[in-house]
Protein backbone atom coordinates (compact mmCIF):
# COMPACT_ATOMS: atom_id res chain seq x y z
CA UNK A 1 5.75 10.93 10.62
CA UNK A 2 3.33 8.06 11.31
CA UNK A 3 0.86 9.64 8.87
CA UNK A 4 3.47 9.53 6.10
CA UNK A 5 4.24 5.89 6.85
CA UNK A 6 0.52 5.08 6.79
CA UNK A 7 0.00 6.74 3.41
CA UNK A 8 3.08 4.96 2.01
CA UNK A 9 1.87 1.60 3.31
CA UNK A 10 -1.59 2.26 1.85
CA UNK A 11 -0.23 3.15 -1.59
CA UNK A 12 2.06 0.10 -1.53
CA UNK A 13 -0.85 -2.17 -0.54
CA UNK A 14 -3.07 -0.75 -3.28
CA UNK A 15 -0.32 -1.17 -5.87
CA UNK A 16 0.41 -4.72 -4.68
CA UNK A 17 -3.29 -5.62 -4.93
CA UNK A 18 -3.40 -4.21 -8.48
CA UNK A 19 -0.20 -5.90 -9.64
CA UNK A 20 -0.67 -9.23 -7.79
CA UNK A 21 -4.28 -10.01 -6.84
CA UNK A 22 -3.30 -12.92 -4.59
CA UNK A 23 -4.37 -11.24 -1.36
């Protein structure tokens, strides 16, 4: 379960960095 959450968080972070490069 934690592995799924980690992969989801990673994909969300990558998408956020692509859409809004303010990190």
